[in-house]
């Protein structure tokens, strides 16, 4: 397994874990946004630009959700 594949596995695993734990803390929503950004980078690095684009959109959505949760 090469470095890029390990990076992608890490990013997607973090997305799954942080998404599952989102209800526990607003910090998990922020970590989910970071994981989505990492997933986006992975998608672009491996040449799957549709995946990279969708993950970038998810990162922006998650950042907005994190902002909304921290305002209360």
PDB file of N, CA and C in Angstrom:
ATOM      1  N   UNK A   1       0.855  -1.176   0.000  1.00  0.00           N
ATOM      2  CA  UNK A   1       0.000   0.000   0.000  1.00  0.00           C
ATOM      3  C   UNK A   1       0.898   1.236   0.000  1.00  0.00           C
ATOM      4  N   UNK A   2       0.668   2.133  -0.943  1.00  0.00           N
ATOM      5  CA  UNK A   2       1.507   3.318  -1.037  1.00  0.00           C
ATOM      6  C   UNK A   2       1.041   4.427  -0.094  1.00  0.00           C
ATOM      7  N   UNK A   3       1.825   5.485  -0.012  1.00  0.00           N
ATOM      8  CA  UNK A   3       1.552   6.586   0.918  1.00  0.00           C
ATOM      9  C   UNK A   3       0.234   7.287   0.604  1.00  0.00           C
ATOM     10  N   UNK A   4      -0.044   7.494  -0.660  1.00  0.00           N
ATOM     11  CA  UNK A   4      -1.286   8.169  -1.042  1.00  0.00           C
ATOM     12  C   UNK A   4      -2.505   7.353  -0.626  1.00  0.00           C
ATOM     13  N   UNK A   5      -2.445   6.047  -0.809  1.00  0.00           N
ATOM     14  CA  UNK A   5      -3.557   5.185  -0.395  1.00  0.00           C
ATOM     15  C   UNK A   5      -3.740   5.214   1.117  1.00  0.00           C
ATOM     16  N   UNK A   6      -2.649   5.201   1.864  1.00  0.00           N
ATOM     17  CA  UNK A   6      -2.738   5.293   3.328  1.00  0.00           C
ATOM     18  C   UNK A   6      -3.340   6.625   3.762  1.00  0.00           C
ATOM     19  N   UNK A   7      -2.961   7.697   3.076  1.00  0.00           N
ATOM     20  CA  UNK A   7      -3.532   9.010   3.360  1.00  0.00           C
ATOM     21  C   UNK A   7      -5.046   9.001   3.116  1.00  0.00           C
ATOM     22  N   UNK A   8      -5.463   8.426   2.016  1.00  0.00           N
ATOM     23  CA  UNK A   8      -6.894   8.336   1.711  1.00  0.00           C
ATOM     24  C   UNK A   8      -7.639   7.486   2.729  1.00  0.00           C
ATOM     25  N   UNK A   9      -7.050   6.385   3.130  1.00  0.00           N
ATOM     26  CA  UNK A   9      -7.667   5.532   4.147  1.00  0.00           C
ATOM     27  C   UNK A   9      -7.819   6.279   5.463  1.00  0.00           C
ATOM     28  N   UNK A  10      -6.792   7.029   5.832  1.00  0.00           N
ATOM     29  CA  UNK A  10      -6.861   7.834   7.052  1.00  0.00           C
ATOM     30  C   UNK A  10      -7.969   8.876   6.960  1.00  0.00           C
ATOM     31  N   UNK A  11      -8.028   9.596   5.853  1.00  0.00           N
ATOM     32  CA  UNK A  11      -9.022  10.658   5.686  1.00  0.00           C
ATOM     33  C   UNK A  11     -10.446  10.108   5.749  1.00  0.00           C
ATOM     34  N   UNK A  12     -10.700   9.037   5.026  1.00  0.00           N
ATOM     35  CA  UNK A  12     -12.054   8.472   4.988  1.00  0.00           C
ATOM     36  C   UNK A  12     -12.416   7.846   6.342  1.00  0.00           C
ATOM     37  N   UNK A  13     -11.457   7.242   7.006  1.00  0.00           N
ATOM     38  CA  UNK A  13     -11.719   6.672   8.333  1.00  0.00           C
ATOM     39  C   UNK A  13     -12.066   7.768   9.331  1.00  0.00           C
ATOM     40  N   UNK A  14     -11.325   8.888   9.259  1.00  0.00           N
ATOM     41  CA  UNK A  14     -11.623  10.011  10.146  1.00  0.00           C
ATOM     42  C   UNK A  14     -12.996  10.608   9.849  1.00  0.00           C
ATOM     43  N   UNK A  15     -13.369  10.639   8.585  1.00  0.00           N
ATOM     44  CA  UNK A  15     -14.707  11.126   8.240  1.00  0.00           C
ATOM     45  C   UNK A  15     -15.769  10.256   8.897  1.00  0.00           C
ATOM     46  N   UNK A  16     -15.607   8.961   8.801  1.00  0.00           N
ATOM     47  CA  UNK A  16     -16.580   8.031   9.373  1.00  0.00           C
ATOM     48  C   UNK A  16     -16.662   8.172  10.889  1.00  0.00           C
ATOM     49  N   UNK A  17     -15.517   8.213  11.544  1.00  0.00           N
ATOM     50  CA  UNK A  17     -15.489   8.290  13.006  1.00  0.00           C
ATOM     51  C   UNK A  17     -16.080   9.607  13.495  1.00  0.00           C
ATOM     52  N   UNK A  18     -15.646  10.721  12.907  1.00  0.00           N
ATOM     53  CA  UNK A  18     -16.126  12.021  13.383  1.00  0.00           C
ATOM     54  C   UNK A  18     -17.600  12.236  13.048  1.00  0.00           C
ATOM     55  N   UNK A  19     -18.055  11.726  11.926  1.00  0.00           N
ATOM     56  CA  UNK A  19     -19.479  11.831  11.592  1.00  0.00           C
ATOM     57  C   UNK A  19     -20.314  11.063  12.608  1.00  0.00           C
ATOM     58  N   UNK A  20     -19.836   9.902  13.003  1.00  0.00           N
ATOM     59  CA  UNK A  20     -20.550   9.089  13.987  1.00  0.00           C
ATOM     60  C   UNK A  20     -20.625   9.787  15.336  1.00  0.00           C
ATOM     61  N   UNK A  21     -19.608  10.545  15.694  1.00  0.00           N
ATOM     62  CA  UNK A  21     -19.526  11.185  17.010  1.00  0.00           C
ATOM     63  C   UNK A  21     -19.986  12.642  17.016  1.00  0.00           C
ATOM     64  N   UNK A  22     -20.569  13.124  15.921  1.00  0.00           N
ATOM     65  CA  UNK A  22     -20.947  14.535  15.826  1.00  0.00           C
ATOM     66  C   UNK A  22     -21.882  15.002  16.939  1.00  0.00           C
ATOM     67  N   UNK A  23     -22.776  14.161  17.404  1.00  0.00           N
ATOM     68  CA  UNK A  23     -23.739  14.574  18.427  1.00  0.00           C
ATOM     69  C   UNK A  23     -23.109  14.751  19.805  1.00  0.00           C
ATOM     70  N   UNK A  24     -21.891  14.288  19.976  1.00  0.00           N
ATOM     71  CA  UNK A  24     -21.227  14.385  21.282  1.00  0.00           C
ATOM     72  C   UNK A  24     -20.611  15.745  21.536  1.00  0.00           C
ATOM     73  N   UNK A  25     -20.149  16.414  20.482  1.00  0.00           N
ATOM     74  CA  UNK A  25     -19.470  17.693  20.670  1.00  0.00           C
ATOM     75  C   UNK A  25     -19.421  18.457  19.346  1.00  0.00           C
ATOM     76  N   UNK A  26     -19.469  19.780  19.463  1.00  0.00           N
ATOM     77  CA  UNK A  26     -19.338  20.589  18.254  1.00  0.00           C
ATOM     78  C   UNK A  26     -17.933  20.468  17.660  1.00  0.00           C
ATOM     79  N   UNK A  27     -16.975  20.055  18.472  1.00  0.00           N
ATOM     80  CA  UNK A  27     -15.615  19.857  17.968  1.00  0.00           C
ATOM     81  C   UNK A  27     -15.553  18.704  16.973  1.00  0.00           C
ATOM     82  N   UNK A  28     -16.424  17.717  17.141  1.00  0.00           N
ATOM     83  CA  UNK A  28     -16.450  16.603  16.189  1.00  0.00           C
ATOM     84  C   UNK A  28     -16.927  17.079  14.813  1.00  0.00           C
ATOM     85  N   UNK A  29     -17.803  18.075  14.799  1.00  0.00           N
ATOM     86  CA  UNK A  29     -18.258  18.643  13.525  1.00  0.00           C
ATOM     87  C   UNK A  29     -17.083  19.342  12.840  1.00  0.00           C
ATOM     88  N   UNK A  30     -16.292  20.069  13.619  1.00  0.00           N
ATOM     89  CA  UNK A  30     -15.113  20.726  13.048  1.00  0.00           C
ATOM     90  C   UNK A  30     -14.112  19.685  12.542  1.00  0.00           C
ATOM     91  N   UNK A  31     -13.884  18.638  13.306  1.00  0.00           N
ATOM     92  CA  UNK A  31     -12.980  17.584  12.862  1.00  0.00           C
ATOM     93  C   UNK A  31     -13.512  16.879  11.620  1.00  0.00           C
ATOM     94  N   UNK A  32     -14.828  16.749  11.522  1.00  0.00           N
ATOM     95  CA  UNK A  32     -15.426  16.177  10.319  1.00  0.00           C
ATOM     96  C   UNK A  32     -15.130  17.064   9.110  1.00  0.00           C
ATOM     97  N   UNK A  33     -15.215  18.378   9.298  1.00  0.00           N
ATOM     98  CA  UNK A  33     -14.898  19.310   8.205  1.00  0.00           C
ATOM     99  C   UNK A  33     -13.441  19.159   7.776  1.00  0.00           C
ATOM    100  N   UNK A  34     -12.546  19.021   8.740  1.00  0.00           N
ATOM    101  CA  UNK A  34     -11.126  18.835   8.428  1.00  0.00           C
ATOM    102  C   UNK A  34     -10.928  17.515   7.684  1.00  0.00           C
ATOM    103  N   UNK A  35     -11.597  16.456   8.155  1.00  0.00           N
ATOM    104  CA  UNK A  35     -11.481  15.154   7.497  1.00  0.00           C
ATOM    105  C   UNK A  35     -12.014  15.216   6.067  1.00  0.00           C
ATOM    106  N   UNK A  36     -13.095  15.951   5.860  1.00  0.00           N
ATOM    107  CA  UNK A  36     -13.621  16.119   4.500  1.00  0.00           C
ATOM    108  C   UNK A  36     -12.626  16.861   3.623  1.00  0.00           C
ATOM    109  N   UNK A  37     -11.963  17.870   4.175  1.00  0.00           N
ATOM    110  CA  UNK A  37     -10.943  18.591   3.414  1.00  0.00           C
ATOM    111  C   UNK A  37      -9.780  17.667   3.055  1.00  0.00           C
ATOM    112  N   UNK A  38      -9.401  16.802   3.987  1.00  0.00           N
ATOM    113  CA  UNK A  38      -8.347  15.825   3.697  1.00  0.00           C
ATOM    114  C   UNK A  38      -8.807  14.845   2.620  1.00  0.00           C
ATOM    115  N   UNK A  39     -10.072  14.423   2.708  1.00  0.00           N
ATOM    116  CA  UNK A  39     -10.622  13.541   1.686  1.00  0.00           C
ATOM    117  C   UNK A  39     -10.649  14.216   0.323  1.00  0.00           C
ATOM    118  N   UNK A  40     -10.943  15.500   0.325  1.00  0.00           N
ATOM    119  CA  UNK A  40     -10.933  16.264  -0.920  1.00  0.00           C
ATOM    120  C   UNK A  40      -9.532  16.310  -1.508  1.00  0.00           C
ATOM    121  N   UNK A  41      -8.559  16.587  -0.669  1.00  0.00           N
ATOM    122  CA  UNK A  41      -7.173  16.615  -1.137  1.00  0.00           C
ATOM    123  C   UNK A  41      -6.782  15.257  -1.713  1.00  0.00           C
ATOM    124  N   UNK A  42      -7.176  14.206  -1.037  1.00  0.00           N
ATOM    125  CA  UNK A  42      -6.886  12.859  -1.531  1.00  0.00           C
ATOM    126  C   UNK A  42      -7.509  12.630  -2.911  1.00  0.00           C
ATOM    127  N   UNK A  43      -8.764  13.027  -3.063  1.00  0.00           N
ATOM    128  CA  UNK A  43      -9.445  12.854  -4.340  1.00  0.00           C
ATOM    129  C   UNK A  43      -8.730  13.565  -5.471  1.00  0.00           C
ATOM    130  N   UNK A  44      -8.334  14.812  -5.221  1.00  0.00           N
ATOM    131  CA  UNK A  44      -7.624  15.556  -6.256  1.00  0.00           C
ATOM    132  C   UNK A  44      -6.240  14.969  -6.524  1.00  0.00           C
ATOM    133  N   UNK A  45      -5.547  14.538  -5.466  1.00  0.00           N
ATOM    134  CA  UNK A  45      -4.200  13.979  -5.644  1.00  0.00           C
ATOM    135  C   UNK A  45      -4.206  12.678  -6.436  1.00  0.00           C
ATOM    136  N   UNK A  46      -5.258  11.894  -6.270  1.00  0.00           N
ATOM    137  CA  UNK A  46      -5.290  10.632  -6.997  1.00  0.00           C
ATOM    138  C   UNK A  46      -5.923  10.768  -8.375  1.00  0.00           C
ATOM    139  N   UNK A  47      -6.404  11.953  -8.696  1.00  0.00           N
ATOM    140  CA  UNK A  47      -6.950  12.206 -10.018  1.00  0.00           C
ATOM    141  C   UNK A  47      -8.444  12.001 -10.142  1.00  0.00           C
ATOM    142  N   UNK A  48      -9.115  11.786  -9.031  1.00  0.00           N
ATOM    143  CA  UNK A  48     -10.573  11.617  -9.037  1.00  0.00           C
ATOM    144  C   UNK A  48     -11.203  12.960  -8.656  1.00  0.00           C
ATOM    145  N   UNK A  49     -11.174  13.907  -9.592  1.00  0.00           N
ATOM    146  CA  UNK A  49     -11.637  15.257  -9.272  1.00  0.00           C
ATOM    147  C   UNK A  49     -13.106  15.334  -8.869  1.00  0.00           C
ATOM    148  N   UNK A  50     -14.030  14.478  -9.365  1.00  0.00           N
ATOM    149  CA  UNK A  50     -15.406  14.574  -8.857  1.00  0.00           C
ATOM    150  C   UNK A  50     -15.491  14.272  -7.359  1.00  0.00           C
ATOM    151  N   UNK A  51     -14.731  13.264  -6.916  1.00  0.00           N
ATOM    152  CA  UNK A  51     -14.686  12.944  -5.487  1.00  0.00           C
ATOM    153  C   UNK A  51     -14.094  14.112  -4.705  1.00  0.00           C
ATOM    154  N   UNK A  52     -13.007  14.668  -5.206  1.00  0.00           N
ATOM    155  CA  UNK A  52     -12.381  15.802  -4.542  1.00  0.00           C
ATOM    156  C   UNK A  52     -13.304  16.997  -4.443  1.00  0.00           C
ATOM    157  N   UNK A  53     -14.059  17.255  -5.491  1.00  0.00           N
ATOM    158  CA  UNK A  53     -14.996  18.373  -5.499  1.00  0.00           C
ATOM    159  C   UNK A  53     -16.135  18.163  -4.500  1.00  0.00           C
ATOM    160  N   UNK A  54     -16.706  16.976  -4.488  1.00  0.00           N
ATOM    161  CA  UNK A  54     -17.815  16.689  -3.558  1.00  0.00           C
ATOM    162  C   UNK A  54     -17.338  16.773  -2.115  1.00  0.00           C
ATOM    163  N   UNK A  55     -16.160  16.257  -1.839  1.00  0.00           N
ATOM    164  CA  UNK A  55     -15.638  16.330  -0.473  1.00  0.00           C
ATOM    165  C   UNK A  55     -15.353  17.768  -0.059  1.00  0.00           C
ATOM    166  N   UNK A  56     -14.920  18.602  -0.990  1.00  0.00           N
ATOM    167  CA  UNK A  56     -14.707  20.021  -0.687  1.00  0.00           C
ATOM    168  C   UNK A  56     -16.025  20.694  -0.318  1.00  0.00           C
ATOM    169  N   UNK A  57     -17.084  20.354  -1.036  1.00  0.00           N
ATOM    170  CA  UNK A  57     -18.405  20.899  -0.716  1.00  0.00           C
ATOM    171  C   UNK A  57     -18.840  20.441   0.671  1.00  0.00           C
ATOM    172  N   UNK A  58     -18.632  19.166   0.981  1.00  0.00           N
ATOM    173  CA  UNK A  58     -18.983  18.656   2.318  1.00  0.00           C
ATOM    174  C   UNK A  58     -18.186  19.373   3.406  1.00  0.00           C
ATOM    175  N   UNK A  59     -16.932  19.697   3.135  1.00  0.00           N
ATOM    176  CA  UNK A  59     -16.119  20.410   4.118  1.00  0.00           C
ATOM    177  C   UNK A  59     -16.720  21.787   4.403  1.00  0.00           C
ATOM    178  N   UNK A  60     -17.156  22.482   3.362  1.00  0.00           N
ATOM    179  CA  UNK A  60     -17.770  23.800   3.538  1.00  0.00           C
ATOM    180  C   UNK A  60     -19.080  23.685   4.314  1.00  0.00           C
ATOM    181  N   UNK A  61     -19.895  22.694   3.979  1.00  0.00           N
ATOM    182  CA  UNK A  61     -21.160  22.478   4.691  1.00  0.00           C
ATOM    183  C   UNK A  61     -20.898  22.185   6.160  1.00  0.00           C
ATOM    184  N   UNK A  62     -19.915  21.340   6.440  1.00  0.00           N
ATOM    185  CA  UNK A  62     -19.598  20.992   7.827  1.00  0.00           C
ATOM    186  C   UNK A  62     -19.075  22.207   8.591  1.00  0.00           C
ATOM    187  N   UNK A  63     -18.275  23.050   7.939  1.00  0.00           N
ATOM    188  CA  UNK A  63     -17.813  24.271   8.608  1.00  0.00           C
ATOM    189  C   UNK A  63     -18.980  25.183   8.966  1.00  0.00           C
ATOM    190  N   UNK A  64     -19.944  25.283   8.062  1.00  0.00           N
ATOM    191  CA  UNK A  64     -21.137  26.092   8.344  1.00  0.00           C
ATOM    192  C   UNK A  64     -21.917  25.503   9.518  1.00  0.00           C
ATOM    193  N   UNK A  65     -22.053  24.188   9.546  1.00  0.00           N
ATOM    194  CA  UNK A  65     -22.752  23.541  10.662  1.00  0.00           C
ATOM    195  C   UNK A  65     -22.007  23.754  11.973  1.00  0.00           C
ATOM    196  N   UNK A  66     -20.667  23.732  11.928  1.00  0.00           N
ATOM    197  CA  UNK A  66     -19.880  23.977  13.132  1.00  0.00           C
ATOM    198  C   UNK A  66     -20.088  25.405  13.626  1.00  0.00           C
ATOM    199  N   UNK A  67     -20.085  26.378  12.700  1.00  0.00           N
ATOM    200  CA  UNK A  67     -20.336  27.764  13.070  1.00  0.00           C
ATOM    201  C   UNK A  67     -21.702  27.916  13.720  1.00  0.00           C
ATOM    202  N   UNK A  68     -22.710  27.273  13.145  1.00  0.00           N
ATOM    203  CA  UNK A  68     -24.059  27.368  13.696  1.00  0.00           C
ATOM    204  C   UNK A  68     -24.123  26.785  15.109  1.00  0.00           C
ATOM    205  N   UNK A  69     -23.412  25.709  15.353  1.00  0.00           N
ATOM    206  CA  UNK A  69     -23.426  25.079  16.680  1.00  0.00           C
ATOM    207  C   UNK A  69     -22.663  25.899  17.714  1.00  0.00           C
ATOM    208  N   UNK A  70     -21.656  26.634  17.310  1.00  0.00           N
ATOM    209  CA  UNK A  70     -20.879  27.400  18.279  1.00  0.00           C
ATOM    210  C   UNK A  70     -21.516  28.748  18.597  1.00  0.00           C
ATOM    211  N   UNK A  71     -22.495  29.175  17.829  1.00  0.00           N
ATOM    212  CA  UNK A  71     -23.167  30.451  18.089  1.00  0.00           C
ATOM    213  C   UNK A  71     -24.111  30.383  19.286  1.00  0.00           C
ATOM    214  N   UNK A  72     -24.554  29.185  19.644  1.00  0.00           N
ATOM    215  CA  UNK A  72     -25.522  29.070  20.743  1.00  0.00           C
ATOM    216  C   UNK A  72     -24.864  29.019  22.079  1.00  0.00           C
TER     217      UNK A  72
END
